[in-house]
PDB file of N, CA and C in Angstrom:
ATOM      1  N   MET A   1      55.035 128.646 118.775  1.00  0.00           N
ATOM      2  CA  MET A   1      56.380 128.358 119.262  1.00  0.00           C
ATOM      3  C   MET A   1      56.293 127.882 120.711  1.00  0.00           C
ATOM      4  N   ALA A   2      57.012 126.836 121.016  1.00  0.00           N
ATOM      5  CA  ALA A   2      57.003 126.290 122.362  1.00  0.00           C
ATOM      6  C   ALA A   2      57.764 127.203 123.307  1.00  0.00           C
ATOM      7  N   ARG A   3      57.229 127.355 124.506  1.00  0.00           N
ATOM      8  CA  ARG A   3      57.888 128.164 125.523  1.00  0.00           C
ATOM      9  C   ARG A   3      58.555 127.234 126.520  1.00  0.00           C
ATOM     10  N   TYR A   4      59.840 127.343 126.667  1.00  0.00           N
ATOM     11  CA  TYR A   4      60.586 126.457 127.555  1.00  0.00           C
ATOM     12  C   TYR A   4      60.702 127.095 128.928  1.00  0.00           C
ATOM     13  N   PHE A   5      59.568 127.120 129.632  1.00  0.00           N
ATOM     14  CA  PHE A   5      59.534 127.703 130.965  1.00  0.00           C
ATOM     15  C   PHE A   5      58.329 127.135 131.697  1.00  0.00           C
ATOM     16  N   VAL A   6      58.358 127.212 133.003  1.00  0.00           N
ATOM     17  CA  VAL A   6      57.269 126.686 133.824  1.00  0.00           C
ATOM     18  C   VAL A   6      56.092 127.655 133.834  1.00  0.00           C
ATOM     19  N   LYS A   7      55.016 127.261 134.470  1.00  0.00           N
ATOM     20  CA  LYS A   7      53.816 128.077 134.451  1.00  0.00           C
ATOM     21  C   LYS A   7      53.491 128.735 135.795  1.00  0.00           C
ATOM     22  N   ASN A   8      54.393 128.654 136.784  1.00  0.00           N
ATOM     23  CA  ASN A   8      54.139 129.345 138.047  1.00  0.00           C
ATOM     24  C   ASN A   8      55.406 130.048 138.521  1.00  0.00           C
ATOM     25  N   ARG A   9      55.215 131.070 139.341  1.00  0.00           N
ATOM     26  CA  ARG A   9      56.329 131.932 139.743  1.00  0.00           C
ATOM     27  C   ARG A   9      57.324 131.218 140.668  1.00  0.00           C
ATOM     28  N   ARG A  10      56.851 130.317 141.506  1.00  0.00           N
ATOM     29  CA  ARG A  10      57.757 129.640 142.437  1.00  0.00           C
ATOM     30  C   ARG A  10      58.790 128.805 141.683  1.00  0.00           C
ATOM     31  N   ASP A  11      58.329 127.979 140.754  1.00  0.00           N
ATOM     32  CA  ASP A  11      59.255 127.158 139.974  1.00  0.00           C
ATOM     33  C   ASP A  11      60.087 128.007 139.021  1.00  0.00           C
ATOM     34  N   GLY A  12      59.503 129.093 138.532  1.00  0.00           N
ATOM     35  CA  GLY A  12      60.257 130.012 137.683  1.00  0.00           C
ATOM     36  C   GLY A  12      61.413 130.651 138.434  1.00  0.00           C
ATOM     37  N   ALA A  13      61.166 131.018 139.686  1.00  0.00           N
ATOM     38  CA  ALA A  13      62.230 131.602 140.500  1.00  0.00           C
ATOM     39  C   ALA A  13      63.347 130.592 140.752  1.00  0.00           C
ATOM     40  N   ARG A  14      62.966 129.352 140.940  1.00  0.00           N
ATOM     41  CA  ARG A  14      63.979 128.296 141.137  1.00  0.00           C
ATOM     42  C   ARG A  14      64.842 128.122 139.888  1.00  0.00           C
ATOM     43  N   LEU A  15      64.202 128.082 138.728  1.00  0.00           N
ATOM     44  CA  LEU A  15      64.956 127.947 137.488  1.00  0.00           C
ATOM     45  C   LEU A  15      65.895 129.128 137.279  1.00  0.00           C
ATOM     46  N   LEU A  16      65.366 130.320 137.491  1.00  0.00           N
ATOM     47  CA  LEU A  16      66.168 131.514 137.284  1.00  0.00           C
ATOM     48  C   LEU A  16      67.350 131.577 138.242  1.00  0.00           C
ATOM     49  N   SER A  17      67.123 131.242 139.501  1.00  0.00           N
ATOM     50  CA  SER A  17      68.228 131.288 140.456  1.00  0.00           C
ATOM     51  C   SER A  17      69.285 130.229 140.148  1.00  0.00           C
ATOM     52  N   SER A  18      68.863 129.063 139.682  1.00  0.00           N
ATOM     53  CA  SER A  18      69.837 128.032 139.303  1.00  0.00           C
ATOM     54  C   SER A  18      70.677 128.487 138.117  1.00  0.00           C
ATOM     55  N   ALA A  19      70.034 129.110 137.144  1.00  0.00           N
ATOM     56  CA  ALA A  19      70.779 129.613 135.987  1.00  0.00           C
ATOM     57  C   ALA A  19      71.743 130.723 136.395  1.00  0.00           C
ATOM     58  N   LEU A  20      71.339 131.562 137.337  1.00  0.00           N
ATOM     59  CA  LEU A  20      72.229 132.625 137.804  1.00  0.00           C
ATOM     60  C   LEU A  20      73.443 132.066 138.539  1.00  0.00           C
ATOM     61  N   VAL A  21      73.254 131.012 139.318  1.00  0.00           N
ATOM     62  CA  VAL A  21      74.381 130.389 140.032  1.00  0.00           C
ATOM     63  C   VAL A  21      75.359 129.771 139.041  1.00  0.00           C
ATOM     64  N   ILE A  22      74.853 129.068 138.040  1.00  0.00           N
ATOM     65  CA  ILE A  22      75.732 128.454 137.045  1.00  0.00           C
ATOM     66  C   ILE A  22      76.485 129.525 136.260  1.00  0.00           C
ATOM     67  N   THR A  23      75.776 130.584 135.872  1.00  0.00           N
ATOM     68  CA  THR A  23      76.426 131.672 135.142  1.00  0.00           C
ATOM     69  C   THR A  23      77.464 132.368 136.009  1.00  0.00           C
ATOM     70  N   GLY A  24      77.130 132.590 137.259  1.00  0.00           N
ATOM     71  CA  GLY A  24      78.082 133.226 138.174  1.00  0.00           C
ATOM     72  C   GLY A  24      79.340 132.399 138.373  1.00  0.00           C
ATOM     73  N   SER A  25      79.189 131.081 138.485  1.00  0.00           N
ATOM     74  CA  SER A  25      80.377 130.242 138.645  1.00  0.00           C
ATOM     75  C   SER A  25      81.197 130.198 137.352  1.00  0.00           C
ATOM     76  N   ALA A  26      80.539 130.303 136.211  1.00  0.00           N
ATOM     77  CA  ALA A  26      81.272 130.331 134.938  1.00  0.00           C
ATOM     78  C   ALA A  26      82.046 131.632 134.791  1.00  0.00           C
ATOM     79  N   LEU A  27      81.553 132.708 135.383  1.00  0.00           N
ATOM     80  CA  LEU A  27      82.256 133.992 135.296  1.00  0.00           C
ATOM     81  C   LEU A  27      83.610 133.964 136.014  1.00  0.00           C
ATOM     82  N   PHE A  28      83.761 133.067 136.988  1.00  0.00           N
ATOM     83  CA  PHE A  28      85.041 132.944 137.671  1.00  0.00           C
ATOM     84  C   PHE A  28      86.116 132.338 136.774  1.00  0.00           C
ATOM     85  N   ARG A  29      85.703 131.627 135.731  1.00  0.00           N
ATOM     86  CA  ARG A  29      86.651 130.976 134.826  1.00  0.00           C
ATOM     87  C   ARG A  29      86.579 131.537 133.417  1.00  0.00           C
ATOM     88  N   LEU A  30      86.513 132.840 133.297  1.00  0.00           N
ATOM     89  CA  LEU A  30      86.478 133.463 131.975  1.00  0.00           C
ATOM     90  C   LEU A  30      87.796 133.328 131.225  1.00  0.00           C
ATOM     91  N   ASP A  31      88.857 132.931 131.916  1.00  0.00           N
ATOM     92  CA  ASP A  31      90.135 132.754 131.248  1.00  0.00           C
ATOM     93  C   ASP A  31      90.191 131.447 130.443  1.00  0.00           C
ATOM     94  N   HIS A  32      89.230 130.558 130.667  1.00  0.00           N
ATOM     95  CA  HIS A  32      89.175 129.266 129.975  1.00  0.00           C
ATOM     96  C   HIS A  32      88.044 129.296 128.939  1.00  0.00           C
ATOM     97  N   PRO A  33      88.253 128.679 127.767  1.00  0.00           N
ATOM     98  CA  PRO A  33      87.208 128.706 126.731  1.00  0.00           C
ATOM     99  C   PRO A  33      85.876 128.103 127.177  1.00  0.00           C
ATOM    100  N   ILE A  34      85.917 127.055 127.981  1.00  0.00           N
ATOM    101  CA  ILE A  34      84.662 126.463 128.459  1.00  0.00           C
ATOM    102  C   ILE A  34      83.946 127.423 129.405  1.00  0.00           C
ATOM    103  N   GLY A  35      84.687 128.143 130.234  1.00  0.00           N
ATOM    104  CA  GLY A  35      84.080 129.141 131.107  1.00  0.00           C
ATOM    105  C   GLY A  35      83.436 130.263 130.315  1.00  0.00           C
ATOM    106  N   GLN A  36      84.084 130.678 129.243  1.00  0.00           N
ATOM    107  CA  GLN A  36      83.518 131.726 128.390  1.00  0.00           C
ATOM    108  C   GLN A  36      82.231 131.239 127.725  1.00  0.00           C
ATOM    109  N   LEU A  37      82.241 130.000 127.233  1.00  0.00           N
ATOM    110  CA  LEU A  37      81.063 129.445 126.585  1.00  0.00           C
ATOM    111  C   LEU A  37      79.905 129.300 127.570  1.00  0.00           C
ATOM    112  N   LEU A  38      80.187 128.772 128.761  1.00  0.00           N
ATOM    113  CA  LEU A  38      79.138 128.625 129.769  1.00  0.00           C
ATOM    114  C   LEU A  38      78.588 129.971 130.219  1.00  0.00           C
ATOM    115  N   ALA A  39      79.461 130.963 130.359  1.00  0.00           N
ATOM    116  CA  ALA A  39      79.002 132.290 130.758  1.00  0.00           C
ATOM    117  C   ALA A  39      78.108 132.899 129.691  1.00  0.00           C
ATOM    118  N   LEU A  40      78.458 132.728 128.442  1.00  0.00           N
ATOM    119  CA  LEU A  40      77.649 133.271 127.347  1.00  0.00           C
ATOM    120  C   LEU A  40      76.291 132.578 127.258  1.00  0.00           C
ATOM    121  N   ILE A  41      76.299 131.264 127.275  1.00  0.00           N
ATOM    122  CA  ILE A  41      75.041 130.518 127.201  1.00  0.00           C
ATOM    123  C   ILE A  41      74.190 130.779 128.446  1.00  0.00           C
ATOM    124  N   GLY A  42      74.823 130.783 129.600  1.00  0.00           N
ATOM    125  CA  GLY A  42      74.091 131.039 130.840  1.00  0.00           C
ATOM    126  C   GLY A  42      73.466 132.423 130.876  1.00  0.00           C
ATOM    127  N   ALA A  43      74.171 133.410 130.374  1.00  0.00           N
ATOM    128  CA  ALA A  43      73.618 134.768 130.346  1.00  0.00           C
ATOM    129  C   ALA A  43      72.410 134.835 129.416  1.00  0.00           C
ATOM    130  N   MET A  44      72.491 134.171 128.284  1.00  0.00           N
ATOM    131  CA  MET A  44      71.346 134.174 127.357  1.00  0.00           C
ATOM    132  C   MET A  44      70.140 133.460 127.974  1.00  0.00           C
ATOM    133  N   VAL A  45      70.369 132.349 128.651  1.00  0.00           N
ATOM    134  CA  VAL A  45      69.279 131.619 129.306  1.00  0.00           C
ATOM    135  C   VAL A  45      68.667 132.469 130.424  1.00  0.00           C
ATOM    136  N   CYS A  46      69.521 133.137 131.201  1.00  0.00           N
ATOM    137  CA  CYS A  46      69.020 133.991 132.283  1.00  0.00           C
ATOM    138  C   CYS A  46      68.154 135.123 131.749  1.00  0.00           C
ATOM    139  N   ILE A  47      68.580 135.739 130.682  1.00  0.00           N
ATOM    140  CA  ILE A  47      67.796 136.834 130.105  1.00  0.00           C
ATOM    141  C   ILE A  47      66.453 136.311 129.580  1.00  0.00           C
ATOM    142  N   TYR A  48      66.481 135.199 128.882  1.00  0.00           N
ATOM    143  CA  TYR A  48      65.238 134.617 128.353  1.00  0.00           C
ATOM    144  C   TYR A  48      64.295 134.237 129.493  1.00  0.00           C
ATOM    145  N   TRP A  49      64.815 133.554 130.523  1.00  0.00           N
ATOM    146  CA  TRP A  49      63.975 133.140 131.630  1.00  0.00           C
ATOM    147  C   TRP A  49      63.483 134.329 132.446  1.00  0.00           C
ATOM    148  N   TRP A  50      64.251 135.405 132.509  1.00  0.00           N
ATOM    149  CA  TRP A  50      63.804 136.598 133.219  1.00  0.00           C
ATOM    150  C   TRP A  50      62.574 137.192 132.526  1.00  0.00           C
ATOM    151  N   PHE A  51      62.619 137.283 131.198  1.00  0.00           N
ATOM    152  CA  PHE A  51      61.465 137.806 130.463  1.00  0.00           C
ATOM    153  C   PHE A  51      60.255 136.882 130.617  1.00  0.00           C
ATOM    154  N   CYS A  52      60.474 135.579 130.597  1.00  0.00           N
ATOM    155  CA  CYS A  52      59.368 134.638 130.810  1.00  0.00           C
ATOM    156  C   CYS A  52      58.815 134.764 132.222  1.00  0.00           C
ATOM    157  N   TYR A  53      59.696 134.909 133.205  1.00  0.00           N
ATOM    158  CA  TYR A  53      59.277 135.035 134.604  1.00  0.00           C
ATOM    159  C   TYR A  53      58.437 136.293 134.815  1.00  0.00           C
ATOM    160  N   ARG A  54      58.820 137.376 134.169  1.00  0.00           N
ATOM    161  CA  ARG A  54      58.089 138.636 134.328  1.00  0.00           C
ATOM    162  C   ARG A  54      56.674 138.565 133.764  1.00  0.00           C
ATOM    163  N   GLN A  55      56.408 137.642 132.836  1.00  0.00           N
ATOM    164  CA  GLN A  55      55.089 137.514 132.236  1.00  0.00           C
ATOM    165  C   GLN A  55      54.137 136.643 133.044  1.00  0.00           C
ATOM    166  N   LEU A  56      54.666 135.923 134.042  1.00  0.00           N
ATOM    167  CA  LEU A  56      53.811 135.057 134.852  1.00  0.00           C
ATOM    168  C   LEU A  56      52.967 135.904 135.807  1.00  0.00           C
ATOM    169  N   GLN A  57      51.730 135.497 136.012  1.00  0.00           N
ATOM    170  CA  GLN A  57      50.822 136.225 136.889  1.00  0.00           C
ATOM    171  C   GLN A  57      50.906 135.725 138.329  1.00  0.00           C
ATOM    172  N   ASN A  58      50.978 134.421 138.516  1.00  0.00           N
ATOM    173  CA  ASN A  58      51.008 133.877 139.889  1.00  0.00           C
ATOM    174  C   ASN A  58      51.929 132.700 139.976  1.00  0.00           C
TER     175      ASN A  58
END
């Protein structure tokens, strides 16, 4: 199975922080269906990337 993540911690941190910013901004618009969808997808991506980030050695 292909892993959709980078191979170093610096770029992984950048990806994770970008996903957290997008998810955080979507949380401000939970009253709108698009905000709910973005928050849900963003949270799933953040969780997946967090687990991938934790497995990186350097």
